[in-house]
Protein backbone atom coordinates (compact mmCIF):
# COMPACT_ATOMS: atom_id res chain seq x y z
CA MET A 1 -14.82 -17.32 -1.89
CA LYS A 2 -15.26 -15.12 1.33
CA LEU A 3 -12.38 -17.53 3.22
CA VAL A 4 -10.03 -17.35 0.23
CA SER A 5 -10.61 -13.11 0.68
CA ILE A 6 -9.91 -13.20 4.64
CA VAL A 7 -6.47 -15.40 4.38
CA PHE A 8 -4.98 -13.20 1.46
CA LEU A 9 -6.20 -9.89 3.29
CA THR A 10 -4.58 -11.20 6.47
CA ILE A 11 -1.26 -11.89 4.74
CA LEU A 12 -0.88 -8.37 3.88
CA THR A 13 -2.88 -6.21 6.59
CA GLY A 14 -0.17 -5.10 8.84
CA LEU A 15 2.42 -4.41 6.35
CA SER A 16 3.96 -1.41 6.79
CA LEU A 17 2.93 1.02 3.92
CA THR A 18 6.22 1.93 3.69
CA GLY A 19 7.33 -1.64 3.58
CA CYS A 20 6.90 -0.99 -0.48
CA SER A 21 10.13 -0.54 -1.76
CA VAL A 22 11.29 1.48 -4.91
CA GLN A 23 14.51 0.63 -7.00
CA LYS A 24 15.91 1.82 -10.27
CA GLY A 25 16.58 -0.15 -13.35
CA ILE A 26 19.40 1.55 -14.99
CA GLY A 27 20.84 0.99 -18.56
CA LYS A 28 22.88 3.20 -21.08
CA GLY A 29 23.14 5.76 -18.18
CA GLU A 30 19.53 6.45 -17.78
CA ILE A 31 16.21 5.24 -15.44
CA LEU A 32 14.37 2.29 -17.90
CA SER A 33 12.14 1.61 -15.33
CA ASP A 34 10.87 1.65 -11.29
CA THR A 35 10.97 -1.83 -10.07
CA ILE A 36 8.38 -1.35 -6.73
CA ARG A 37 8.67 -4.59 -4.43
CA ILE A 38 6.15 -5.64 -2.22
CA PRO A 39 7.60 -7.80 0.64
CA GLY A 40 5.92 -10.00 3.40
CA ALA A 41 3.92 -12.49 2.25
CA SER A 42 4.89 -15.92 3.06
CA SER A 43 4.63 -17.19 -1.23
CA ASP A 44 4.70 -20.06 -3.09
CA LEU A 45 4.82 -18.29 -5.95
CA ALA A 46 5.70 -14.67 -7.17
CA LEU A 47 3.83 -12.31 -9.08
CA GLU A 48 5.50 -9.65 -11.69
CA LEU A 49 3.49 -7.37 -13.17
CA VAL A 50 5.18 -4.84 -15.78
CA PHE A 51 4.02 -1.25 -17.44
CA SER A 52 5.66 0.29 -20.22
CA LYS A 53 3.51 3.77 -20.51
CA GLY A 54 2.40 5.08 -24.22
CA ALA A 55 2.29 8.25 -25.60
CA ALA A 56 -0.21 9.88 -24.00
CA HIS A 57 1.49 8.74 -20.37
CA ASN A 58 1.07 12.01 -18.32
CA HIS A 59 1.40 11.04 -14.43
CA PRO A 60 -1.90 8.97 -14.49
CA THR A 61 -3.96 7.81 -11.37
CA PHE A 62 -4.48 3.74 -11.37
CA SER A 63 -5.13 0.88 -9.35
CA ILE A 64 -4.20 -2.95 -9.34
CA TRP A 65 -6.26 -5.50 -7.71
CA ILE A 66 -7.43 -9.06 -7.92
CA GLU A 67 -11.09 -10.86 -8.17
CA ASP A 68 -11.82 -14.35 -8.82
CA MET A 69 -13.51 -15.08 -11.99
CA ASP A 70 -17.28 -14.43 -10.79
CA GLU A 71 -15.68 -10.83 -10.67
CA ASN A 72 -15.98 -10.50 -6.60
CA TYR A 73 -13.12 -8.19 -5.39
CA ILE A 74 -10.47 -10.47 -3.13
CA GLN A 75 -7.54 -7.48 -2.76
CA THR A 76 -5.72 -4.38 -3.98
CA LEU A 77 -2.17 -5.02 -4.56
CA PHE A 78 -1.29 -0.99 -5.50
CA VAL A 79 -2.86 2.32 -5.86
CA THR A 80 -1.55 5.39 -6.61
CA LYS A 81 -1.26 7.30 -3.06
CA SER A 82 -3.29 10.36 -4.80
CA ILE A 83 -6.38 8.20 -4.67
CA GLY A 84 -5.17 6.12 -1.67
CA THR A 85 -5.23 9.24 0.80
CA GLY A 86 -7.47 11.98 -1.13
CA ILE A 87 -4.37 14.16 -1.53
CA PHE A 88 -3.84 15.30 -4.77
CA GLY A 89 -1.15 17.31 -6.13
CA HIS A 90 -2.85 20.21 -6.48
CA GLY A 91 -5.75 21.36 -3.60
CA PRO A 92 -8.81 22.85 -4.30
CA LEU A 93 -9.30 26.82 -3.92
CA THR A 94 -12.57 27.26 -5.53
CA SER A 95 -14.99 25.00 -7.70
CA GLU A 96 -12.96 25.78 -10.90
CA THR A 97 -9.70 27.00 -9.56
CA TRP A 98 -6.60 25.28 -8.23
CA ASP A 99 -3.49 25.92 -5.53
CA THR A 100 -0.03 24.84 -6.42
CA ARG A 101 0.06 22.70 -3.24
CA PRO A 102 -0.82 19.55 -2.65
CA GLY A 103 -4.70 19.21 -0.60
CA PRO A 104 -7.94 17.10 -0.32
CA GLN A 105 -10.00 16.46 -2.87
CA LYS A 106 -12.86 13.88 -3.92
CA ARG A 107 -12.76 12.68 -7.22
CA PRO A 108 -15.07 9.78 -7.51
CA ALA A 109 -14.51 10.03 -11.45
CA THR A 110 -11.14 9.10 -10.99
CA LEU A 111 -11.42 5.12 -10.32
CA PRO A 112 -14.92 4.07 -9.87
CA TYR A 113 -14.58 1.09 -11.37
CA TRP A 114 -12.21 -0.04 -8.57
CA LEU A 115 -13.88 2.47 -5.77
CA HIS A 116 -17.11 0.85 -5.91
CA LYS A 117 -15.94 -2.66 -5.70
CA ARG A 118 -13.55 -2.04 -2.59
CA SER A 119 -16.19 0.21 -0.74
CA ASP A 120 -18.83 -2.52 -1.42
CA PHE A 121 -16.44 -5.13 -0.06
CA PHE A 122 -15.34 -3.58 2.93
CA LYS A 123 -18.44 -1.19 3.79
CA VAL A 124 -16.41 1.69 3.67
CA PRO A 125 -17.17 5.36 2.10
CA LEU A 126 -16.50 5.82 -1.70
CA LEU A 127 -13.40 7.98 -1.58
CA PRO A 128 -10.57 7.04 0.81
CA ASP A 129 -9.37 9.98 2.82
CA SER A 130 -6.41 11.41 5.26
CA THR A 131 -8.63 9.70 7.73
CA ASN A 132 -9.60 6.74 6.38
CA PRO A 133 -6.74 5.53 3.69
CA VAL A 134 -6.46 2.47 1.46
CA ILE A 135 -4.42 0.26 4.28
CA ASP A 136 -5.47 -3.11 2.44
CA GLY A 137 -2.83 -3.07 -0.79
CA PHE A 138 0.08 -0.45 -0.52
CA THR A 139 -0.23 3.04 -2.04
CA GLY A 140 2.61 4.78 -3.76
CA ALA A 141 3.97 7.84 -6.16
CA THR A 142 2.59 7.49 -9.66
CA PRO A 143 5.89 5.90 -11.06
CA ALA A 144 7.30 8.49 -13.98
CA GLY A 145 7.36 6.16 -16.49
CA ASP A 146 7.95 2.51 -17.06
CA PHE A 147 7.60 0.67 -14.30
CA VAL A 148 7.47 -3.09 -12.14
CA ILE A 149 5.97 -4.17 -9.47
CA LYS A 150 6.87 -7.98 -8.00
CA THR A 151 4.95 -9.44 -5.34
CA GLY A 152 4.30 -12.89 -3.67
CA VAL A 153 1.09 -15.01 -3.96
CA THR A 154 0.20 -17.95 -2.11
CA ARG A 155 -1.68 -21.06 -3.54
CA SER A 156 -4.53 -19.42 -0.89
CA LEU A 157 -5.82 -17.75 -3.79
CA PRO A 158 -8.13 -19.41 -6.16
CA SER A 159 -6.27 -21.46 -8.96
CA LYS A 160 -7.67 -19.12 -11.75
CA PHE A 161 -8.07 -15.50 -10.48
CA ARG A 162 -8.45 -12.17 -12.57
CA LEU A 163 -5.98 -9.43 -12.76
CA LEU A 164 -7.10 -6.23 -12.92
CA LEU A 165 -5.83 -2.74 -13.62
CA GLU A 166 -7.95 0.95 -13.83
CA ILE A 167 -6.01 3.63 -15.14
CA ASN A 168 -6.90 7.40 -15.70
CA GLN A 169 -5.69 10.85 -16.12
CA PRO A 170 -7.37 14.51 -15.27
CA TRP A 171 -9.00 16.53 -17.83
CA ASP A 172 -8.38 14.19 -20.77
CA TRP A 173 -10.50 15.93 -23.38
CA ASN A 174 -11.27 14.59 -26.88
CA GLU A 175 -13.72 15.60 -29.74
CA TYR A 176 -16.84 12.93 -27.80
CA TRP A 177 -15.33 13.74 -24.41
CA THR A 178 -15.60 17.67 -24.24
CA ASN A 179 -15.91 20.25 -21.55
CA ALA A 180 -19.50 20.40 -22.47
CA LEU A 181 -20.56 17.34 -23.07
CA TYR A 182 -21.72 16.80 -19.22
CA ASN A 183 -23.08 19.73 -16.87
CA ASP A 184 -20.95 17.62 -13.98
CA PRO A 185 -18.23 18.96 -11.65
CA ASP A 186 -16.94 15.23 -11.16
CA TYR A 187 -17.27 14.75 -14.96
CA LYS A 188 -15.06 17.62 -15.90
CA THR A 189 -11.89 15.99 -13.63
CA SER A 190 -11.65 13.28 -15.28
CA CYS A 191 -13.21 13.94 -19.10
CA GLN A 192 -12.28 10.55 -21.10
CA PRO A 193 -12.93 8.32 -18.34
CA SER A 194 -11.02 5.66 -16.64
CA LEU A 195 -10.17 2.67 -18.46
CA VAL A 196 -9.61 -0.88 -17.33
CA TYR A 197 -7.72 -3.89 -18.23
CA ALA A 198 -7.56 -7.58 -17.60
CA VAL A 199 -6.54 -11.03 -17.75
CA THR A 200 -6.80 -14.12 -16.41
CA ILE A 201 -3.66 -15.58 -14.10
CA ASP A 202 -3.67 -19.48 -13.74
CA MET A 203 -2.26 -20.50 -11.03
CA GLU A 204 -1.02 -23.99 -12.25
CA ASN A 205 0.72 -22.53 -15.46
CA PRO A 206 3.20 -20.12 -14.45
CA GLY A 207 5.89 -19.11 -15.99
CA THR A 208 3.95 -17.43 -19.12
CA GLY A 209 4.05 -13.79 -19.79
CA GLN A 210 0.31 -12.34 -20.40
CA HIS A 211 -1.18 -9.24 -21.57
CA LEU A 212 -3.52 -7.17 -19.78
CA ASN A 213 -6.32 -5.90 -22.62
CA PRO A 214 -8.43 -3.15 -21.98
CA ILE A 215 -12.17 -4.28 -21.10
CA GLY A 216 -14.31 -1.10 -20.78
CA HIS A 217 -14.49 1.93 -19.21
CA GLY A 218 -15.87 3.45 -15.24
CA HIS A 219 -18.61 5.85 -15.21
CA TYR A 220 -17.73 8.76 -16.70
CA ALA A 221 -19.19 10.66 -12.92
CA GLY A 222 -17.94 7.94 -10.70
CA LYS A 223 -21.75 7.64 -10.35
CA ASP A 224 -21.74 3.82 -10.22
CA GLY A 225 -19.40 1.03 -9.91
CA LYS A 226 -20.52 -0.63 -13.51
CA LEU A 227 -18.38 -1.85 -16.35
CA TYR A 228 -19.11 0.12 -19.72
CA THR A 229 -17.69 -2.15 -22.64
CA ASP A 230 -18.30 0.57 -25.53
CA LEU A 231 -14.55 1.75 -26.16
CA SER A 232 -15.58 3.34 -29.55
CA THR A 233 -15.11 7.07 -28.33
CA MET A 234 -12.00 6.52 -26.53
CA THR A 235 -8.48 7.85 -27.98
CA THR A 236 -5.37 9.38 -26.33
CA ALA A 237 -6.46 7.22 -23.00
CA LEU A 238 -5.81 4.12 -25.13
CA THR A 239 -2.71 4.70 -25.14
CA ILE A 240 -1.52 5.93 -21.20
CA ILE A 241 -0.81 2.41 -21.79
CA SER A 242 1.50 0.82 -24.10
CA LYS A 243 1.66 -2.53 -22.90
CA ALA A 244 1.20 -4.14 -19.76
CA THR A 245 2.60 -7.65 -19.20
CA VAL A 246 2.16 -10.25 -15.86
CA LYS A 247 3.57 -13.65 -15.10
CA LEU A 248 3.73 -16.16 -12.00
CA THR A 249 6.79 -17.39 -11.39
CA LYS A 250 8.34 -19.88 -9.20
């Protein structure tokens, strides 16, 4: 499995982060979706992820990555720029007030499941920052609405692998995840914790679209990289995404 990880990493490492192009899909006079193309891999198959925003969608942070069937991290495909660089849209003035300008922040509760997996794999600090940004995947601004990600994959990947998406929005309260639930500053930047979606992809059966389904959530304050499977207290967080599907095409 280590060989697979190294081969796939080699394909994407060295590709410019600015090589990720964004195109607008236009229909009936309005923007329908962003298309994010990740070029550069010499691929046998193309992977296409289609994301439809839900009713609660409001500039979420998310990451998309690949694992083997034993849940071992292989490669990040895409991560939003804020968590990938540690520079968020509102920098801190004090522990409880925010600047109107972007600035560095440490938010371990944002995407803890992915953060811990990536940190453990590369033996790097948990949180990327401006001096140690994500370079093993592409970073980009959060799409304002629906989007499509297109990238190449190679047959050096396992014949079956998992595609995962972790997503979160700050200050996402509900009747259970209240401001007073935990006296933890990291918790209070998130409230409802990150949601993790997953799907299994079979390289031998391309062409069939499959849904990513929620499988759990991350730690409420980012203290560990465990997957918590009880989603009974999650409400609006489950409607950040309306639908996410993925398919392989030759």
